[in-house]
Amino acid sequence: MFALSRRRNTAEIVVKPKISRSKDAYTVSHSLIGELPYEEFWMLLLNRANKIMKTVKVSEVGISGTAVDPKKIFSIGKNAIYRQY
């Protein structure tokens, strides 16, 4: 029993960043993408308190551009909503 409480105390607490302005979204997305030589399309899924629930890489392609399927975007968003409740 004491081992369980010790493990619980040493577990990392995950702090979900809050997106309250565009600069916050930039800092989160810049940490994901950085200085890549190719393009990627990422989604930041937020809850009603504007805290990040999940980040999802939707697509990555070559240097010139990336194609994103709207069905895939809506599917990812819908699944995130259903898993939340």
PDB file of N, CA and C in Angstrom:
ATOM      1  N   MET A   1       0.817  -1.191   0.000  1.00  0.00           N
ATOM      2  CA  MET A   1       0.000   0.000   0.000  1.00  0.00           C
ATOM      3  C   MET A   1       0.862   1.256   0.000  1.00  0.00           C
ATOM      4  N   PHE A   2       1.937   1.235   0.770  1.00  0.00           N
ATOM      5  CA  PHE A   2       2.804   2.404   0.814  1.00  0.00           C
ATOM      6  C   PHE A   2       3.567   2.585  -0.492  1.00  0.00           C
ATOM      7  N   ALA A   3       3.855   1.485  -1.154  1.00  0.00           N
ATOM      8  CA  ALA A   3       4.553   1.578  -2.442  1.00  0.00           C
ATOM      9  C   ALA A   3       3.674   2.273  -3.471  1.00  0.00           C
ATOM     10  N   LEU A   4       2.364   1.989  -3.420  1.00  0.00           N
ATOM     11  CA  LEU A   4       1.446   2.628  -4.359  1.00  0.00           C
ATOM     12  C   LEU A   4       1.400   4.137  -4.143  1.00  0.00           C
ATOM     13  N   SER A   5       1.324   4.564  -2.891  1.00  0.00           N
ATOM     14  CA  SER A   5       1.274   6.006  -2.627  1.00  0.00           C
ATOM     15  C   SER A   5       2.600   6.670  -2.977  1.00  0.00           C
ATOM     16  N   ARG A   6       3.713   5.958  -2.800  1.00  0.00           N
ATOM     17  CA  ARG A   6       5.006   6.507  -3.179  1.00  0.00           C
ATOM     18  C   ARG A   6       5.096   6.699  -4.694  1.00  0.00           C
ATOM     19  N   ARG A   7       4.590   5.703  -5.467  1.00  0.00           N
ATOM     20  CA  ARG A   7       4.601   5.818  -6.915  1.00  0.00           C
ATOM     21  C   ARG A   7       3.686   6.945  -7.374  1.00  0.00           C
ATOM     22  N   ARG A   8       2.568   7.108  -6.722  1.00  0.00           N
ATOM     23  CA  ARG A   8       1.639   8.175  -7.091  1.00  0.00           C
ATOM     24  C   ARG A   8       2.272   9.540  -6.848  1.00  0.00           C
ATOM     25  N   ASN A   9       3.029   9.683  -5.766  1.00  0.00           N
ATOM     26  CA  ASN A   9       3.675  10.958  -5.455  1.00  0.00           C
ATOM     27  C   ASN A   9       4.806  11.276  -6.421  1.00  0.00           C
ATOM     28  N   THR A  10       5.471  10.243  -6.966  1.00  0.00           N
ATOM     29  CA  THR A  10       6.586  10.494  -7.877  1.00  0.00           C
ATOM     30  C   THR A  10       6.140  10.598  -9.328  1.00  0.00           C
ATOM     31  N   ALA A  11       4.857  10.333  -9.605  1.00  0.00           N
ATOM     32  CA  ALA A  11       4.366  10.415 -10.982  1.00  0.00           C
ATOM     33  C   ALA A  11       4.374  11.868 -11.452  1.00  0.00           C
ATOM     34  N   GLU A  12       4.632  12.031 -12.740  1.00  0.00           N
ATOM     35  CA  GLU A  12       4.660  13.376 -13.298  1.00  0.00           C
ATOM     36  C   GLU A  12       3.250  13.932 -13.425  1.00  0.00           C
ATOM     37  N   ILE A  13       3.115  15.210 -13.121  1.00  0.00           N
ATOM     38  CA  ILE A  13       1.847  15.898 -13.291  1.00  0.00           C
ATOM     39  C   ILE A  13       1.889  16.583 -14.653  1.00  0.00           C
ATOM     40  N   VAL A  14       0.938  16.247 -15.488  1.00  0.00           N
ATOM     41  CA  VAL A  14       0.895  16.815 -16.828  1.00  0.00           C
ATOM     42  C   VAL A  14       0.076  18.097 -16.790  1.00  0.00           C
ATOM     43  N   VAL A  15       0.719  19.194 -17.140  1.00  0.00           N
ATOM     44  CA  VAL A  15       0.039  20.484 -17.186  1.00  0.00           C
ATOM     45  C   VAL A  15      -0.326  20.759 -18.638  1.00  0.00           C
ATOM     46  N   LYS A  16      -1.603  20.912 -18.888  1.00  0.00           N
ATOM     47  CA  LYS A  16      -2.070  21.197 -20.233  1.00  0.00           C
ATOM     48  C   LYS A  16      -1.994  22.701 -20.461  1.00  0.00           C
ATOM     49  N   PRO A  17      -1.228  23.134 -21.471  1.00  0.00           N
ATOM     50  CA  PRO A  17      -1.148  24.576 -21.712  1.00  0.00           C
ATOM     51  C   PRO A  17      -2.468  25.152 -22.196  1.00  0.00           C
ATOM     52  N   LYS A  18      -2.733  26.374 -21.781  1.00  0.00           N
ATOM     53  CA  LYS A  18      -3.954  27.060 -22.186  1.00  0.00           C
ATOM     54  C   LYS A  18      -3.646  27.980 -23.357  1.00  0.00           C
ATOM     55  N   ILE A  19      -4.496  27.947 -24.369  1.00  0.00           N
ATOM     56  CA  ILE A  19      -4.346  28.798 -25.547  1.00  0.00           C
ATOM     57  C   ILE A  19      -5.305  29.968 -25.389  1.00  0.00           C
ATOM     58  N   SER A  20      -4.757  31.125 -25.039  1.00  0.00           N
ATOM     59  CA  SER A  20      -5.612  32.305 -24.877  1.00  0.00           C
ATOM     60  C   SER A  20      -5.359  33.354 -25.951  1.00  0.00           C
ATOM     61  N   ARG A  21      -4.292  33.198 -26.710  1.00  0.00           N
ATOM     62  CA  ARG A  21      -4.007  34.112 -27.810  1.00  0.00           C
ATOM     63  C   ARG A  21      -3.178  33.377 -28.858  1.00  0.00           C
ATOM     64  N   SER A  22      -3.005  33.991 -29.988  1.00  0.00           N
ATOM     65  CA  SER A  22      -2.326  33.333 -31.101  1.00  0.00           C
ATOM     66  C   SER A  22      -0.865  33.023 -30.780  1.00  0.00           C
ATOM     67  N   LYS A  23      -0.234  33.822 -29.943  1.00  0.00           N
ATOM     68  CA  LYS A  23       1.164  33.569 -29.575  1.00  0.00           C
ATOM     69  C   LYS A  23       1.293  32.258 -28.806  1.00  0.00           C
ATOM     70  N   ASP A  24       0.316  31.914 -27.982  1.00  0.00           N
ATOM     71  CA  ASP A  24       0.339  30.643 -27.264  1.00  0.00           C
ATOM     72  C   ASP A  24       0.281  29.470 -28.230  1.00  0.00           C
ATOM     73  N   ALA A  25      -0.588  29.577 -29.235  1.00  0.00           N
ATOM     74  CA  ALA A  25      -0.679  28.520 -30.250  1.00  0.00           C
ATOM     75  C   ALA A  25       0.621  28.423 -31.033  1.00  0.00           C
ATOM     76  N   TYR A  26       1.241  29.552 -31.299  1.00  0.00           N
ATOM     77  CA  TYR A  26       2.513  29.559 -32.028  1.00  0.00           C
ATOM     78  C   TYR A  26       3.598  28.834 -31.237  1.00  0.00           C
ATOM     79  N   THR A  27       3.707  29.112 -29.943  1.00  0.00           N
ATOM     80  CA  THR A  27       4.772  28.488 -29.154  1.00  0.00           C
ATOM     81  C   THR A  27       4.584  26.972 -29.072  1.00  0.00           C
ATOM     82  N   VAL A  28       3.341  26.526 -28.946  1.00  0.00           N
ATOM     83  CA  VAL A  28       3.086  25.080 -28.898  1.00  0.00           C
ATOM     84  C   VAL A  28       3.388  24.446 -30.247  1.00  0.00           C
ATOM     85  N   SER A  29       2.911  25.045 -31.320  1.00  0.00           N
ATOM     86  CA  SER A  29       3.133  24.465 -32.640  1.00  0.00           C
ATOM     87  C   SER A  29       4.596  24.564 -33.053  1.00  0.00           C
ATOM     88  N   HIS A  30       5.284  25.599 -32.643  1.00  0.00           N
ATOM     89  CA  HIS A  30       6.706  25.724 -32.976  1.00  0.00           C
ATOM     90  C   HIS A  30       7.525  24.648 -32.280  1.00  0.00           C
ATOM     91  N   SER A  31       7.129  24.272 -31.063  1.00  0.00           N
ATOM     92  CA  SER A  31       7.846  23.198 -30.375  1.00  0.00           C
ATOM     93  C   SER A  31       7.624  21.852 -31.071  1.00  0.00           C
ATOM     94  N   LEU A  32       6.480  21.683 -31.738  1.00  0.00           N
ATOM     95  CA  LEU A  32       6.209  20.447 -32.475  1.00  0.00           C
ATOM     96  C   LEU A  32       6.912  20.418 -33.823  1.00  0.00           C
ATOM     97  N   ILE A  33       6.815  21.523 -34.543  1.00  0.00           N
ATOM     98  CA  ILE A  33       7.304  21.568 -35.917  1.00  0.00           C
ATOM     99  C   ILE A  33       8.756  22.029 -35.975  1.00  0.00           C
ATOM    100  N   GLY A  34       9.066  23.106 -35.283  1.00  0.00           N
ATOM    101  CA  GLY A  34      10.431  23.613 -35.265  1.00  0.00           C
ATOM    102  C   GLY A  34      10.885  24.107 -36.620  1.00  0.00           C
ATOM    103  N   GLU A  35      12.063  23.711 -37.001  1.00  0.00           N
ATOM    104  CA  GLU A  35      12.673  24.146 -38.255  1.00  0.00           C
ATOM    105  C   GLU A  35      12.768  22.982 -39.237  1.00  0.00           C
ATOM    106  N   LEU A  36      11.672  22.344 -39.511  1.00  0.00           N
ATOM    107  CA  LEU A  36      11.669  21.208 -40.422  1.00  0.00           C
ATOM    108  C   LEU A  36      11.875  21.666 -41.867  1.00  0.00           C
ATOM    109  N   PRO A  37      12.560  20.857 -42.676  1.00  0.00           N
ATOM    110  CA  PRO A  37      12.755  21.236 -44.080  1.00  0.00           C
ATOM    111  C   PRO A  37      11.556  20.898 -44.965  1.00  0.00           C
ATOM    112  N   TYR A  38      10.501  20.344 -44.390  1.00  0.00           N
ATOM    113  CA  TYR A  38       9.301  19.989 -45.143  1.00  0.00           C
ATOM    114  C   TYR A  38       8.083  20.437 -44.348  1.00  0.00           C
ATOM    115  N   GLU A  39       6.922  20.390 -44.993  1.00  0.00           N
ATOM    116  CA  GLU A  39       5.697  20.875 -44.353  1.00  0.00           C
ATOM    117  C   GLU A  39       4.953  19.751 -43.652  1.00  0.00           C
ATOM    118  N   GLU A  40       4.359  20.097 -42.527  1.00  0.00           N
ATOM    119  CA  GLU A  40       3.485  19.186 -41.792  1.00  0.00           C
ATOM    120  C   GLU A  40       2.221  19.939 -41.413  1.00  0.00           C
ATOM    121  N   PHE A  41       1.119  19.218 -41.267  1.00  0.00           N
ATOM    122  CA  PHE A  41      -0.143  19.814 -40.830  1.00  0.00           C
ATOM    123  C   PHE A  41      -0.502  19.196 -39.496  1.00  0.00           C
ATOM    124  N   TRP A  42      -0.584  19.997 -38.451  1.00  0.00           N
ATOM    125  CA  TRP A  42      -0.908  19.544 -37.100  1.00  0.00           C
ATOM    126  C   TRP A  42      -2.233  20.158 -36.660  1.00  0.00           C
ATOM    127  N   MET A  43      -2.944  19.427 -35.807  1.00  0.00           N
ATOM    128  CA  MET A  43      -4.168  19.942 -35.177  1.00  0.00           C
ATOM    129  C   MET A  43      -3.933  20.058 -33.680  1.00  0.00           C
ATOM    130  N   LEU A  44      -4.369  21.162 -33.120  1.00  0.00           N
ATOM    131  CA  LEU A  44      -4.389  21.330 -31.671  1.00  0.00           C
ATOM    132  C   LEU A  44      -5.844  21.202 -31.242  1.00  0.00           C
ATOM    133  N   LEU A  45      -6.180  20.144 -30.543  1.00  0.00           N
ATOM    134  CA  LEU A  45      -7.552  19.923 -30.091  1.00  0.00           C
ATOM    135  C   LEU A  45      -7.697  20.515 -28.696  1.00  0.00           C
ATOM    136  N   LEU A  46      -8.611  21.479 -28.566  1.00  0.00           N
ATOM    137  CA  LEU A  46      -8.803  22.197 -27.305  1.00  0.00           C
ATOM    138  C   LEU A  46     -10.120  21.805 -26.657  1.00  0.00           C
ATOM    139  N   ASN A  47     -10.166  21.903 -25.326  1.00  0.00           N
ATOM    140  CA  ASN A  47     -11.438  21.717 -24.638  1.00  0.00           C
ATOM    141  C   ASN A  47     -12.117  23.081 -24.484  1.00  0.00           C
ATOM    142  N   ARG A  48     -13.215  23.126 -23.763  1.00  0.00           N
ATOM    143  CA  ARG A  48     -13.961  24.386 -23.637  1.00  0.00           C
ATOM    144  C   ARG A  48     -13.235  25.442 -22.820  1.00  0.00           C
ATOM    145  N   ALA A  49     -12.253  25.017 -22.030  1.00  0.00           N
ATOM    146  CA  ALA A  49     -11.441  25.959 -21.261  1.00  0.00           C
ATOM    147  C   ALA A  49     -10.208  26.401 -22.038  1.00  0.00           C
ATOM    148  N   ASN A  50     -10.155  26.059 -23.328  1.00  0.00           N
ATOM    149  CA  ASN A  50      -9.037  26.385 -24.225  1.00  0.00           C
ATOM    150  C   ASN A  50      -7.720  25.760 -23.791  1.00  0.00           C
ATOM    151  N   LYS A  51      -7.788  24.616 -23.131  1.00  0.00           N
ATOM    152  CA  LYS A  51      -6.583  23.864 -22.789  1.00  0.00           C
ATOM    153  C   LYS A  51      -6.414  22.740 -23.808  1.00  0.00           C
ATOM    154  N   ILE A  52      -5.184  22.447 -24.148  1.00  0.00           N
ATOM    155  CA  ILE A  52      -4.916  21.451 -25.175  1.00  0.00           C
ATOM    156  C   ILE A  52      -5.238  20.061 -24.642  1.00  0.00           C
ATOM    157  N   MET A  53      -6.161  19.384 -25.337  1.00  0.00           N
ATOM    158  CA  MET A  53      -6.480  17.990 -25.007  1.00  0.00           C
ATOM    159  C   MET A  53      -5.508  17.057 -25.694  1.00  0.00           C
ATOM    160  N   LYS A  54      -5.201  17.368 -26.956  1.00  0.00           N
ATOM    161  CA  LYS A  54      -4.388  16.463 -27.751  1.00  0.00           C
ATOM    162  C   LYS A  54      -3.797  17.223 -28.931  1.00  0.00           C
ATOM    163  N   THR A  55      -2.615  16.809 -29.370  1.00  0.00           N
ATOM    164  CA  THR A  55      -2.031  17.316 -30.604  1.00  0.00           C
ATOM    165  C   THR A  55      -1.907  16.141 -31.564  1.00  0.00           C
ATOM    166  N   VAL A  56      -2.300  16.363 -32.810  1.00  0.00           N
ATOM    167  CA  VAL A  56      -2.340  15.294 -33.803  1.00  0.00           C
ATOM    168  C   VAL A  56      -1.662  15.762 -35.086  1.00  0.00           C
ATOM    169  N   LYS A  57      -0.733  14.932 -35.590  1.00  0.00           N
ATOM    170  CA  LYS A  57      -0.151  15.219 -36.898  1.00  0.00           C
ATOM    171  C   LYS A  57      -1.056  14.604 -37.948  1.00  0.00           C
ATOM    172  N   VAL A  58      -1.636  15.446 -38.804  1.00  0.00           N
ATOM    173  CA  VAL A  58      -2.595  14.994 -39.797  1.00  0.00           C
ATOM    174  C   VAL A  58      -1.881  14.535 -41.063  1.00  0.00           C
ATOM    175  N   SER A  59      -0.907  15.308 -41.530  1.00  0.00           N
ATOM    176  CA  SER A  59      -0.203  14.903 -42.742  1.00  0.00           C
ATOM    177  C   SER A  59       1.167  15.547 -42.803  1.00  0.00           C
ATOM    178  N   GLU A  60       2.021  14.948 -43.613  1.00  0.00           N
ATOM    179  CA  GLU A  60       3.326  15.524 -43.926  1.00  0.00           C
ATOM    180  C   GLU A  60       3.659  15.165 -45.370  1.00  0.00           C
ATOM    181  N   VAL A  61       4.248  16.107 -46.066  1.00  0.00           N
ATOM    182  CA  VAL A  61       4.560  15.893 -47.478  1.00  0.00           C
ATOM    183  C   VAL A  61       5.916  16.521 -47.760  1.00  0.00           C
ATOM    184  N   GLY A  62       6.201  16.779 -48.992  1.00  0.00           N
ATOM    185  CA  GLY A  62       7.483  17.315 -49.418  1.00  0.00           C
ATOM    186  C   GLY A  62       7.636  18.790 -49.152  1.00  0.00           C
ATOM    187  N   ILE A  63       8.490  19.403 -49.917  1.00  0.00           N
ATOM    188  CA  ILE A  63       8.872  20.802 -49.713  1.00  0.00           C
ATOM    189  C   ILE A  63       7.791  21.769 -50.172  1.00  0.00           C
ATOM    190  N   SER A  64       7.088  21.441 -51.251  1.00  0.00           N
ATOM    191  CA  SER A  64       6.184  22.409 -51.868  1.00  0.00           C
ATOM    192  C   SER A  64       4.849  22.572 -51.164  1.00  0.00           C
ATOM    193  N   GLY A  65       4.341  21.553 -50.498  1.00  0.00           N
ATOM    194  CA  GLY A  65       3.045  21.698 -49.840  1.00  0.00           C
ATOM    195  C   GLY A  65       2.559  20.391 -49.252  1.00  0.00           C
ATOM    196  N   THR A  66       1.440  20.461 -48.560  1.00  0.00           N
ATOM    197  CA  THR A  66       0.846  19.276 -47.962  1.00  0.00           C
ATOM    198  C   THR A  66      -0.648  19.268 -48.251  1.00  0.00           C
ATOM    199  N   ALA A  67      -1.172  18.100 -48.544  1.00  0.00           N
ATOM    200  CA  ALA A  67      -2.602  17.959 -48.805  1.00  0.00           C
ATOM    201  C   ALA A  67      -3.282  17.435 -47.547  1.00  0.00           C
ATOM    202  N   VAL A  68      -4.415  18.036 -47.223  1.00  0.00           N
ATOM    203  CA  VAL A  68      -5.150  17.645 -46.022  1.00  0.00           C
ATOM    204  C   VAL A  68      -6.570  17.280 -46.428  1.00  0.00           C
ATOM    205  N   ASP A  69      -7.020  16.131 -45.979  1.00  0.00           N
ATOM    206  CA  ASP A  69      -8.358  15.654 -46.292  1.00  0.00           C
ATOM    207  C   ASP A  69      -9.335  16.151 -45.218  1.00  0.00           C
ATOM    208  N   PRO A  70     -10.356  16.923 -45.585  1.00  0.00           N
ATOM    209  CA  PRO A  70     -11.316  17.413 -44.580  1.00  0.00           C
ATOM    210  C   PRO A  70     -12.016  16.291 -43.826  1.00  0.00           C
ATOM    211  N   LYS A  71     -12.275  15.157 -44.488  1.00  0.00           N
ATOM    212  CA  LYS A  71     -12.907  14.028 -43.792  1.00  0.00           C
ATOM    213  C   LYS A  71     -12.049  13.547 -42.641  1.00  0.00           C
ATOM    214  N   LYS A  72     -10.742  13.516 -42.853  1.00  0.00           N
ATOM    215  CA  LYS A  72      -9.826  13.072 -41.803  1.00  0.00           C
ATOM    216  C   LYS A  72      -9.822  14.050 -40.630  1.00  0.00           C
ATOM    217  N   ILE A  73      -9.866  15.350 -40.937  1.00  0.00           N
ATOM    218  CA  ILE A  73      -9.875  16.357 -39.876  1.00  0.00           C
ATOM    219  C   ILE A  73     -11.139  16.246 -39.028  1.00  0.00           C
ATOM    220  N   PHE A  74     -12.292  16.146 -39.679  1.00  0.00           N
ATOM    221  CA  PHE A  74     -13.545  16.037 -38.934  1.00  0.00           C
ATOM    222  C   PHE A  74     -13.620  14.723 -38.164  1.00  0.00           C
ATOM    223  N   SER A  75     -13.069  13.660 -38.713  1.00  0.00           N
ATOM    224  CA  SER A  75     -13.061  12.374 -38.034  1.00  0.00           C
ATOM    225  C   SER A  75     -12.219  12.437 -36.755  1.00  0.00           C
ATOM    226  N   ILE A  76     -11.058  13.062 -36.841  1.00  0.00           N
ATOM    227  CA  ILE A  76     -10.197  13.203 -35.663  1.00  0.00           C
ATOM    228  C   ILE A  76     -10.892  14.048 -34.603  1.00  0.00           C
ATOM    229  N   GLY A  77     -11.499  15.154 -35.002  1.00  0.00           N
ATOM    230  CA  GLY A  77     -12.210  16.010 -34.050  1.00  0.00           C
ATOM    231  C   GLY A  77     -13.391  15.306 -33.409  1.00  0.00           C
ATOM    232  N   LYS A  78     -14.163  14.568 -34.215  1.00  0.00           N
ATOM    233  CA  LYS A  78     -15.318  13.863 -33.693  1.00  0.00           C
ATOM    234  C   LYS A  78     -14.906  12.782 -32.698  1.00  0.00           C
ATOM    235  N   ASN A  79     -13.861  12.046 -33.020  1.00  0.00           N
ATOM    236  CA  ASN A  79     -13.385  11.000 -32.111  1.00  0.00           C
ATOM    237  C   ASN A  79     -12.859  11.588 -30.813  1.00  0.00           C
ATOM    238  N   ALA A  80     -12.222  12.746 -30.874  1.00  0.00           N
ATOM    239  CA  ALA A  80     -11.732  13.395 -29.660  1.00  0.00           C
ATOM    240  C   ALA A  80     -12.875  13.830 -28.769  1.00  0.00           C
ATOM    241  N   ILE A  81     -13.970  14.302 -29.365  1.00  0.00           N
ATOM    242  CA  ILE A  81     -15.135  14.721 -28.589  1.00  0.00           C
ATOM    243  C   ILE A  81     -15.772  13.521 -27.892  1.00  0.00           C
ATOM    244  N   TYR A  82     -15.939  12.418 -28.614  1.00  0.00           N
ATOM    245  CA  TYR A  82     -16.576  11.236 -28.033  1.00  0.00           C
ATOM    246  C   TYR A  82     -15.736  10.616 -26.940  1.00  0.00           C
ATOM    247  N   ARG A  83     -14.413  10.686 -27.053  1.00  0.00           N
ATOM    248  CA  ARG A  83     -13.549  10.127 -26.007  1.00  0.00           C
ATOM    249  C   ARG A  83     -13.521  10.999 -24.774  1.00  0.00           C
ATOM    250  N   GLN A  84     -13.846  12.276 -24.937  1.00  0.00           N
ATOM    251  CA  GLN A  84     -13.839  13.197 -23.801  1.00  0.00           C
ATOM    252  C   GLN A  84     -14.966  12.900 -22.830  1.00  0.00           C
ATOM    253  N   TYR A  85     -16.111  12.480 -23.348  1.00  0.00           N
ATOM    254  CA  TYR A  85     -17.293  12.280 -22.494  1.00  0.00           C
ATOM    255  C   TYR A  85     -17.506  10.859 -22.117  1.00  0.00           C
TER     256      TYR A  85
END
